[in-house]
Each structure stands twice: as structure tokens, then as C-alpha cells.
């Protein structure tokens, strides 16, 4: 794969397992559409196929590759040797505010296929078409029956599958900036366990995380605070 075929993305560690579950729910939706298409192609089927970019194996394969790339960038819950649930941090050093005052959410730089990011954006657009395929709308409604009964309209909205696809695509599609270049240089120079930012690096960090949080969580203030705000 050439450089032109790849895209470097900066990703922030969200709440444990959140990004994993978001991608898993998208994968499950796409698998449902693929299963319905296989049934429709059978002897008693009506020949239905998912529209456009939702057809075939490519959408699920793209989501699987993004799962593999993004998994190490996120905190996750796993079972240890005693079968107890433990939280595992992202790969790489832990990030700290200047002088080590408090810990920050880790940033990671990952290289993914540019076509996978573009396909995710096209999937979000197709899922959200107002005049879209009725069967696709039915599948979305089926998979959204597990949305949390929450008093937070923001939380419920960001869990919707169209919004989920758009959020993840938007985070991966953010342009790299001088701030991200400064942070990547700091990450390369850091040791394996600990990265303590300088004041200029911290300013770049917070500007970058503000952008990522706006896209990844629809600007959830609690999640942003938990990442390590300037008044933490």
C-alpha cells in the first residue's frame, strides 16, 4: 500500500470500550444487511440487494480493518488470569499535563487505508439518506431498539447508527495540523511509559482534543472533562 493510499489519523482515548462498541454495532448492522441480501438471493427471495456502498463484503471488511487499527488506541476491559475484569490502557506511554500535575487521555497516531475512511463516510451518507432504501431503514430501527433509556438527549442521539458512523468518520477525517505535528514529535521523543507535556505542547493538546471531542462525542462536556481539561 503506497503513502497516497493511506491516511494518518490522530485518535483520542475515549471512555473504556466506547469506540469498540460503536464499531461493533455498525458491523452488526452491515452483517444484517448482508444476511438479508443472501436470503433475498435464494430460491424464495425477491432479489433485494443493499443499495450502493452497503452491498457486498467491502463494508464489513473496512469496518474490521478499522477495528484492528483503532483497538490499541483505546482503553478496554478484559479478563485477567483470574477471570476478573480489568481495564487495559491504550498502547504507548501515559500522557500527563505539564509538571505531571494530572493524567490526560492518551492520543495515538494510526495509519489506515484512505479508502476505508472514505467508505465509512459513504456508509454514513447512505444510511442517513432521507429517501433511502426501506429495508435499510428497517434494519437500522431493529438495531436501535437497544438504545439506552437516558435523560440525556445528546447520549441517545450519538448512539444512533447514522450518527455513530458519521462521528467515527469525522474523527478519522480530521486534517492534521501544526498542533498534531508537535504532539506526534513529543510522542516519538517520549519514553515507553510516560509523556509529560511542555506548556506549548499542552496548548496544542487541548486544541486537538477539543476538535476530536466535538466530532467523536458531539462535544460532550463530561467526556471532555474526563480527558483532562485545563481546569481539571
Protein backbone atom coordinates (compact mmCIF):
# COMPACT_ATOMS: atom_id res chain seq x y z
CA UNK A 1 0.00 0.00 0.00
CA UNK A 2 1.52 3.35 -1.01
CA UNK A 3 1.51 6.53 1.07
CA UNK A 4 -1.13 8.00 -1.22
CA UNK A 5 -3.39 5.06 -0.38
CA UNK A 6 -3.10 5.58 3.38
CA UNK A 7 -4.20 8.24 5.83
CA UNK A 8 -2.61 9.14 9.13
CA UNK A 9 -5.19 9.85 11.83
CA UNK A 10 -4.92 11.17 15.36
CA UNK A 11 -7.27 9.44 17.80
CA UNK A 12 -8.05 10.23 21.43
CA UNK A 13 -8.75 7.57 24.04
CA UNK A 14 -12.47 7.78 24.76
CA UNK A 15 -14.29 6.12 27.63
CA UNK A 16 -13.36 2.42 28.01
CA UNK A 17 -14.76 0.22 25.24
CA UNK A 18 -16.89 3.01 23.74
CA UNK A 19 -15.26 3.08 20.31
CA UNK A 20 -15.11 -0.74 20.26
CA UNK A 21 -18.85 -0.98 20.86
CA UNK A 22 -19.61 1.76 18.32
CA UNK A 23 -17.75 -0.11 15.59
CA UNK A 24 -19.25 -3.43 16.69
CA UNK A 25 -22.79 -2.04 16.36
CA UNK A 26 -22.00 -0.77 12.85
CA UNK A 27 -20.55 -4.16 11.94
CA UNK A 28 -23.67 -5.93 13.22
CA UNK A 29 -25.91 -3.67 11.12
CA UNK A 30 -23.88 -4.35 7.99
CA UNK A 31 -23.90 -8.09 8.69
CA UNK A 32 -27.69 -7.96 8.95
CA UNK A 33 -27.93 -6.28 5.55
CA UNK A 34 -25.56 -8.87 4.07
CA UNK A 35 -27.62 -11.71 5.56
CA UNK A 36 -30.86 -10.25 4.20
CA UNK A 37 -29.27 -9.96 0.76
CA UNK A 38 -28.19 -13.61 0.88
CA UNK A 39 -31.72 -14.65 1.84
CA UNK A 40 -33.20 -12.50 -0.93
CA UNK A 41 -30.90 -14.20 -3.45
CA UNK A 42 -32.29 -17.65 -2.53
CA UNK A 43 -34.99 -19.59 -4.37
CA UNK A 44 -37.79 -17.92 -2.41
CA UNK A 45 -36.19 -14.49 -2.27
CA UNK A 46 -37.15 -11.29 -4.04
CA UNK A 47 -33.65 -10.48 -5.25
CA UNK A 48 -33.19 -7.49 -2.94
CA UNK A 49 -29.65 -6.14 -2.56
CA UNK A 50 -28.42 -3.35 -0.30
CA UNK A 51 -28.03 -0.05 -2.14
CA UNK A 52 -24.72 1.40 -3.26
CA UNK A 53 -21.83 1.17 -0.85
CA UNK A 54 -23.77 -1.07 1.56
CA UNK A 55 -23.66 -4.03 -0.84
CA UNK A 56 -21.18 -6.89 -0.80
CA UNK A 57 -18.36 -7.73 1.59
CA UNK A 58 -16.41 -4.46 1.31
CA UNK A 59 -18.28 -2.52 4.04
CA UNK A 60 -17.76 -5.19 6.71
CA UNK A 61 -14.13 -5.70 5.68
CA UNK A 62 -13.46 -1.96 6.01
CA UNK A 63 -15.04 -1.85 9.48
CA UNK A 64 -12.97 -4.87 10.54
CA UNK A 65 -9.74 -3.20 9.41
CA UNK A 66 -10.66 -0.04 11.32
CA UNK A 67 -11.44 -2.14 14.40
CA UNK A 68 -7.97 -3.69 14.22
CA UNK A 69 -6.28 -0.30 13.75
CA UNK A 70 -8.20 1.59 16.43
CA UNK A 71 -8.42 -1.11 19.11
CA UNK A 72 -4.91 -0.49 20.55
CA UNK A 73 -5.63 3.27 20.82
CA UNK A 74 -8.43 2.79 23.35
CA UNK A 75 -8.86 1.79 26.97
CA UNK A 76 -10.61 -1.54 27.10
CA UNK A 77 -11.98 -4.02 29.63
CA UNK A 78 -10.52 -7.51 29.56
CA UNK A 79 -10.45 -10.61 31.76
CA UNK A 80 -7.19 -11.32 33.60
CA UNK A 81 -5.77 -14.72 34.55
CA UNK A 82 -8.21 -14.95 37.48
CA UNK A 83 -11.15 -14.11 35.18
CA UNK A 84 -11.55 -10.73 36.87
CA UNK A 85 -12.44 -7.73 34.73
CA UNK A 86 -9.56 -5.26 34.46
CA UNK A 87 -9.14 -2.09 32.45
CA UNK A 88 -6.24 -2.06 29.99
CA UNK A 89 -4.82 1.28 28.87
CA UNK A 90 -4.00 2.16 25.26
CA UNK A 91 -0.67 1.13 23.80
CA UNK A 92 2.14 3.61 24.34
CA UNK A 93 3.11 5.98 27.15
CA UNK A 94 0.71 7.62 29.55
CA UNK A 95 0.15 11.33 28.88
CA UNK A 96 0.47 13.99 31.59
CA UNK A 97 -0.09 17.71 31.89
CA UNK A 98 2.99 19.93 32.40
CA UNK A 99 4.97 19.07 35.53
CA UNK A 100 2.98 15.83 35.78
CA UNK A 101 0.09 17.61 37.53
CA UNK A 102 -2.56 15.18 36.26
CA UNK A 103 -3.05 12.50 33.67
CA UNK A 104 -4.54 13.22 30.26
CA UNK A 105 -6.34 10.97 27.81
CA UNK A 106 -3.77 9.41 25.52
CA UNK A 107 -3.50 10.41 21.89
CA UNK A 108 -2.44 7.90 19.26
CA UNK A 109 -1.37 8.28 15.65
CA UNK A 110 -2.55 5.47 13.39
CA UNK A 111 -2.20 4.83 9.68
CA UNK A 112 -5.26 3.40 7.96
CA UNK A 113 -6.34 2.84 4.39
CA UNK A 114 -7.67 6.09 2.97
CA UNK A 115 -10.27 4.06 1.10
CA UNK A 116 -11.60 2.65 4.39
CA UNK A 117 -12.11 6.15 5.82
CA UNK A 118 -13.79 7.28 2.60
CA UNK A 119 -16.00 4.17 2.58
CA UNK A 120 -17.06 4.80 6.18
CA UNK A 121 -18.12 8.31 5.17
CA UNK A 122 -20.08 6.93 2.23
CA UNK A 123 -21.73 4.35 4.51
CA UNK A 124 -22.83 7.13 6.88
CA UNK A 125 -24.27 9.11 3.97
CA UNK A 126 -26.15 6.10 2.57
CA UNK A 127 -27.53 5.09 5.97
CA UNK A 128 -28.76 8.63 6.53
CA UNK A 129 -30.42 9.25 3.17
CA UNK A 130 -33.94 10.65 3.74
CA UNK A 131 -35.13 8.79 0.64
CA UNK A 132 -33.09 5.69 1.40
CA UNK A 133 -33.99 2.05 0.97
CA UNK A 134 -36.91 1.00 3.26
CA UNK A 135 -35.17 -2.26 4.15
CA UNK A 136 -32.10 -0.35 5.31
CA UNK A 137 -34.30 1.85 7.47
CA UNK A 138 -35.95 -1.28 8.90
CA UNK A 139 -32.54 -2.76 9.76
CA UNK A 140 -31.46 0.47 11.45
CA UNK A 141 -34.63 0.58 13.53
CA UNK A 142 -34.15 -3.07 14.50
CA UNK A 143 -30.62 -2.42 15.72
CA UNK A 144 -31.55 0.80 17.53
CA UNK A 145 -34.07 -0.88 19.82
CA UNK A 146 -31.28 -1.30 22.37
CA UNK A 147 -30.58 2.43 22.62
CA UNK A 148 -30.30 3.45 26.29
CA UNK A 149 -33.30 4.97 28.01
CA UNK A 150 -31.44 8.04 29.17
CA UNK A 151 -32.33 11.54 30.23
CA UNK A 152 -29.52 12.85 28.03
CA UNK A 153 -30.70 13.67 24.51
CA UNK A 154 -27.04 14.04 23.48
CA UNK A 155 -26.20 10.50 24.60
CA UNK A 156 -29.19 9.00 22.83
CA UNK A 157 -28.52 10.94 19.62
CA UNK A 158 -24.86 10.00 19.40
CA UNK A 159 -25.71 6.30 19.82
CA UNK A 160 -27.88 6.34 16.70
CA UNK A 161 -26.21 4.33 13.96
CA UNK A 162 -26.17 7.05 11.31
CA UNK A 163 -24.66 9.49 13.80
CA UNK A 164 -22.22 6.83 15.01
CA UNK A 165 -20.89 6.22 11.50
CA UNK A 166 -20.64 9.97 10.89
CA UNK A 167 -18.88 10.61 14.24
CA UNK A 168 -16.19 7.99 13.69
CA UNK A 169 -15.67 9.06 10.09
CA UNK A 170 -15.40 12.68 11.16
CA UNK A 171 -12.78 11.88 13.79
CA UNK A 172 -10.68 9.90 11.30
CA UNK A 173 -11.14 12.53 8.60
CA UNK A 174 -9.88 15.48 10.64
CA UNK A 175 -6.97 17.22 8.96
CA UNK A 176 -3.61 17.05 10.69
CA UNK A 177 -2.33 20.43 11.87
CA UNK A 178 0.83 22.02 13.28
CA UNK A 179 -0.59 21.09 16.69
CA UNK A 180 -0.79 17.40 15.81
CA UNK A 181 2.70 17.53 14.29
CA UNK A 182 4.04 18.97 17.57
CA UNK A 183 2.30 16.25 19.57
CA UNK A 184 3.50 13.46 17.30
CA UNK A 185 7.06 14.72 17.72
CA UNK A 186 6.60 14.73 21.51
CA UNK A 187 5.26 11.18 21.38
CA UNK A 188 8.23 9.95 19.33
CA UNK A 189 10.66 11.55 21.81
CA UNK A 190 8.89 10.16 24.88
CA UNK A 191 9.91 7.09 26.78
CA UNK A 192 7.86 3.93 26.78
CA UNK A 193 5.93 4.70 29.97
CA UNK A 194 5.43 8.44 30.43
CA UNK A 195 4.98 11.59 28.34
CA UNK A 196 4.91 14.88 30.26
CA UNK A 197 3.91 17.75 28.02
CA UNK A 198 5.51 21.17 27.98
CA UNK A 199 3.26 24.22 28.16
CA UNK A 200 3.25 24.73 24.35
CA UNK A 201 2.58 21.03 23.82
CA UNK A 202 -0.27 21.15 26.35
CA UNK A 203 -1.85 24.06 24.49
CA UNK A 204 -1.62 22.05 21.26
CA UNK A 205 -3.02 19.01 23.08
CA UNK A 206 -6.11 20.80 24.33
CA UNK A 207 -6.85 22.39 20.96
CA UNK A 208 -6.55 18.97 19.33
CA UNK A 209 -8.67 17.17 21.91
CA UNK A 210 -11.34 19.88 21.69
CA UNK A 211 -11.65 19.15 17.96
CA UNK A 212 -11.68 15.39 18.49
CA UNK A 213 -14.24 15.54 21.27
CA UNK A 214 -16.55 17.77 19.24
CA UNK A 215 -16.55 15.17 16.49
CA UNK A 216 -16.33 11.92 18.46
CA UNK A 217 -18.85 12.67 21.24
CA UNK A 218 -20.83 15.61 19.81
CA UNK A 219 -18.97 17.81 22.26
CA UNK A 220 -19.96 16.00 25.46
CA UNK A 221 -18.60 18.23 28.26
CA UNK A 222 -18.31 15.40 30.80
CA UNK A 223 -16.25 13.22 28.45
CA UNK A 224 -14.08 16.24 27.62
CA UNK A 225 -13.51 16.93 31.32
CA UNK A 226 -12.57 13.29 31.92
CA UNK A 227 -9.94 13.52 29.17
CA UNK A 228 -8.16 16.18 31.24
CA UNK A 229 -9.32 19.76 30.83
CA UNK A 230 -7.28 22.86 31.57
CA UNK A 231 -9.20 23.29 34.84
CA UNK A 232 -9.09 19.58 35.78
